[in-house]
C-alpha atoms as a PDB file:
ATOM      1  CA  MET A   1      -2.104  34.228  43.204  1.00  0.00           C
ATOM      2  CA  SER A   2      -5.720  33.038  43.159  1.00  0.00           C
ATOM      3  CA  PRO A   3      -7.135  31.084  40.194  1.00  0.00           C
ATOM      4  CA  ASN A   4      -9.351  34.036  39.234  1.00  0.00           C
ATOM      5  CA  SER A   5      -6.548  36.592  39.322  1.00  0.00           C
ATOM      6  CA  PRO A   6      -6.514  38.949  36.291  1.00  0.00           C
ATOM      7  CA  ASP A   7      -2.735  38.468  36.058  1.00  0.00           C
ATOM      8  CA  GLN A   8      -3.089  34.751  35.344  1.00  0.00           C
ATOM      9  CA  GLN A   9      -3.052  33.813  31.655  1.00  0.00           C
ATOM     10  CA  ALA A  10      -5.476  31.290  30.232  1.00  0.00           C
ATOM     11  CA  PRO A  11      -3.904  27.946  29.342  1.00  0.00           C
ATOM     12  CA  GLU A  12      -2.815  27.655  25.726  1.00  0.00           C
ATOM     13  CA  ILE A  13      -5.166  25.604  23.597  1.00  0.00           C
ATOM     14  CA  PRO A  14      -3.232  23.089  21.493  1.00  0.00           C
ATOM     15  CA  VAL A  15      -3.600  23.372  17.742  1.00  0.00           C
ATOM     16  CA  ILE A  16      -4.847  20.141  16.226  1.00  0.00           C
ATOM     17  CA  PRO A  17      -3.324  19.549  12.798  1.00  0.00           C
ATOM     18  CA  GLU A  18      -5.678  19.015   9.923  1.00  0.00           C
ATOM     19  CA  ILE A  19      -6.274  15.336   9.226  1.00  0.00           C
ATOM     20  CA  PRO A  20      -5.360  14.514   5.626  1.00  0.00           C
ATOM     21  CA  VAL A  21      -8.005  13.036   3.384  1.00  0.00           C
ATOM     22  CA  ILE A  22      -7.245   9.401   2.749  1.00  0.00           C
ATOM     23  CA  PRO A  23      -8.074   8.278  -0.787  1.00  0.00           C
ATOM     24  CA  GLU A  24     -10.590   5.502  -1.186  1.00  0.00           C
ATOM     25  CA  ILE A  25      -9.011   2.079  -1.647  1.00  0.00           C
ATOM     26  CA  PRO A  26     -10.528   0.299  -4.640  1.00  0.00           C
ATOM     27  CA  VAL A  27     -12.077  -3.105  -4.037  1.00  0.00           C
ATOM     28  CA  ILE A  28     -11.847  -5.441  -6.991  1.00  0.00           C
ATOM     29  CA  ASN A  29     -13.970  -8.567  -6.976  1.00  0.00           C
ATOM     30  CA  VAL A  30     -11.880 -11.276  -8.630  1.00  0.00           C
ATOM     31  CA  GLY A  31     -14.467 -13.955  -7.954  1.00  0.00           C
ATOM     32  CA  GLU A  32     -13.472 -17.545  -7.440  1.00  0.00           C
ATOM     33  CA  ASP A  33     -10.375 -17.240  -9.661  1.00  0.00           C
ATOM     34  CA  GLY A  34      -8.498 -15.465  -6.879  1.00  0.00           C
ATOM     35  CA  PRO A  35      -5.735 -12.877  -7.124  1.00  0.00           C
ATOM     36  CA  LEU A  36      -4.267 -14.305 -10.338  1.00  0.00           C
ATOM     37  CA  ALA A  37      -7.469 -13.254 -12.113  1.00  0.00           C
ATOM     38  CA  LEU A  38      -6.470  -9.679 -11.354  1.00  0.00           C
ATOM     39  CA  LEU A  39      -3.292 -10.144 -13.397  1.00  0.00           C
ATOM     40  CA  ARG A  40      -5.409 -11.107 -16.379  1.00  0.00           C
ATOM     41  CA  GLN A  41      -7.038  -7.651 -16.400  1.00  0.00           C
ATOM     42  CA  PRO A  42      -4.409  -5.621 -18.299  1.00  0.00           C
ATOM     43  CA  GLU A  43      -5.947  -2.205 -17.609  1.00  0.00           C
ATOM     44  CA  THR A  44      -6.006  -2.879 -13.859  1.00  0.00           C
ATOM     45  CA  VAL A  45      -2.455  -4.224 -13.793  1.00  0.00           C
ATOM     46  CA  GLU A  46      -1.272  -1.239 -15.806  1.00  0.00           C
ATOM     47  CA  ARG A  47      -2.887   1.185 -13.334  1.00  0.00           C
ATOM     48  CA  PHE A  48      -1.258  -0.529 -10.339  1.00  0.00           C
ATOM     49  CA  LEU A  49       2.161  -0.702 -11.985  1.00  0.00           C
ATOM     50  CA  VAL A  50       2.098   2.904 -13.185  1.00  0.00           C
ATOM     51  CA  LYS A  51       1.121   4.170  -9.730  1.00  0.00           C
ATOM     52  CA  GLY A  52       3.643   1.957  -7.930  1.00  0.00           C
ATOM     53  CA  ARG A  53       6.506   2.845 -10.222  1.00  0.00           C
ATOM     54  CA  ALA A  54       5.637   6.539 -10.107  1.00  0.00           C
ATOM     55  CA  GLN A  55       5.581   6.488  -6.315  1.00  0.00           C
ATOM     56  CA  TYR A  56       8.601   4.264  -5.630  1.00  0.00           C
ATOM     57  CA  GLY A  57      10.517   3.989  -8.901  1.00  0.00           C
ATOM     58  CA  GLY A  58      10.549   1.021 -11.257  1.00  0.00           C
ATOM     59  CA  TRP A  59      13.855  -0.335 -10.014  1.00  0.00           C
ATOM     60  CA  LEU A  60      12.649  -0.468  -6.396  1.00  0.00           C
ATOM     61  CA  VAL A  61       9.304  -2.086  -7.293  1.00  0.00           C
ATOM     62  CA  ASP A  62      11.076  -4.779  -9.321  1.00  0.00           C
ATOM     63  CA  ARG A  63      13.721  -5.341  -6.630  1.00  0.00           C
ATOM     64  CA  LEU A  64      11.156  -5.628  -3.838  1.00  0.00           C
ATOM     65  CA  ASP A  65       9.175  -8.093  -5.942  1.00  0.00           C
ATOM     66  CA  ALA A  66      12.248 -10.315  -6.272  1.00  0.00           C
ATOM     67  CA  LEU A  67      13.116  -9.958  -2.582  1.00  0.00           C
ATOM     68  CA  SER A  68       9.591 -10.819  -1.464  1.00  0.00           C
ATOM     69  CA  ARG A  69       9.578 -13.985  -3.587  1.00  0.00           C
ATOM     70  CA  ARG A  70      12.967 -14.988  -2.182  1.00  0.00           C
ATOM     71  CA  TRP A  71      11.688 -14.449   1.347  1.00  0.00           C
ATOM     72  CA  ALA A  72       8.554 -16.502   0.583  1.00  0.00           C
ATOM     73  CA  ARG A  73      10.735 -19.411  -0.610  1.00  0.00           C
ATOM     74  CA  ARG A  74      12.902 -19.306   2.527  1.00  0.00           C
ATOM     75  CA  ALA A  75       9.865 -18.978   4.810  1.00  0.00           C
ATOM     76  CA  ASN A  76       8.101 -21.847   3.038  1.00  0.00           C
ATOM     77  CA  SER A  77       5.106 -19.577   2.478  1.00  0.00           C
ATOM     78  CA  PRO A  78       1.827 -21.277   1.564  1.00  0.00           C
ATOM     79  CA  TYR A  79       1.436 -18.537  -1.076  1.00  0.00           C
ATOM     80  CA  LEU A  80       4.682 -19.307  -2.894  1.00  0.00           C
ATOM     81  CA  ALA A  81       3.054 -21.133  -5.817  1.00  0.00           C
ATOM     82  CA  GLU A  82       0.673 -18.220  -6.306  1.00  0.00           C
ATOM     83  CA  LEU A  83       3.548 -15.702  -6.190  1.00  0.00           C
ATOM     84  CA  GLU A  84       5.566 -17.719  -8.693  1.00  0.00           C
ATOM     85  CA  SER A  85       2.560 -17.977 -11.020  1.00  0.00           C
ATOM     86  CA  ALA A  86       2.045 -14.229 -10.768  1.00  0.00           C
ATOM     87  CA  ALA A  87       5.722 -13.633 -11.561  1.00  0.00           C
ATOM     88  CA  GLU A  88       5.378 -15.702 -14.743  1.00  0.00           C
ATOM     89  CA  GLU A  89       2.473 -13.612 -16.040  1.00  0.00           C
ATOM     90  CA  LYS A  90       3.357 -11.207 -18.820  1.00  0.00           C
ATOM     91  CA  LEU A  91       2.933  -7.781 -17.317  1.00  0.00           C
ATOM     92  CA  PRO A  92       2.821  -4.519 -19.263  1.00  0.00           C
END
């Protein structure tokens, strides 16, 4: 059969799935005080916690927080002091 034969079907064109819209990631300037300054902004902390707990469940968020701090201690992470300070902050 020749390439121009009327019996030959055109190749199927693949359907490209629609690309989902990715929400904008907020950038929060905490200045020279670093990430702990973020924890001193109650409305921002509340927003993060509400979204995280709604998405993953409060128990899982709390458990992963504890596990990540334990890992940081075992790995001798340079961020351990910062993580421990954050854990001591009173969160909503």
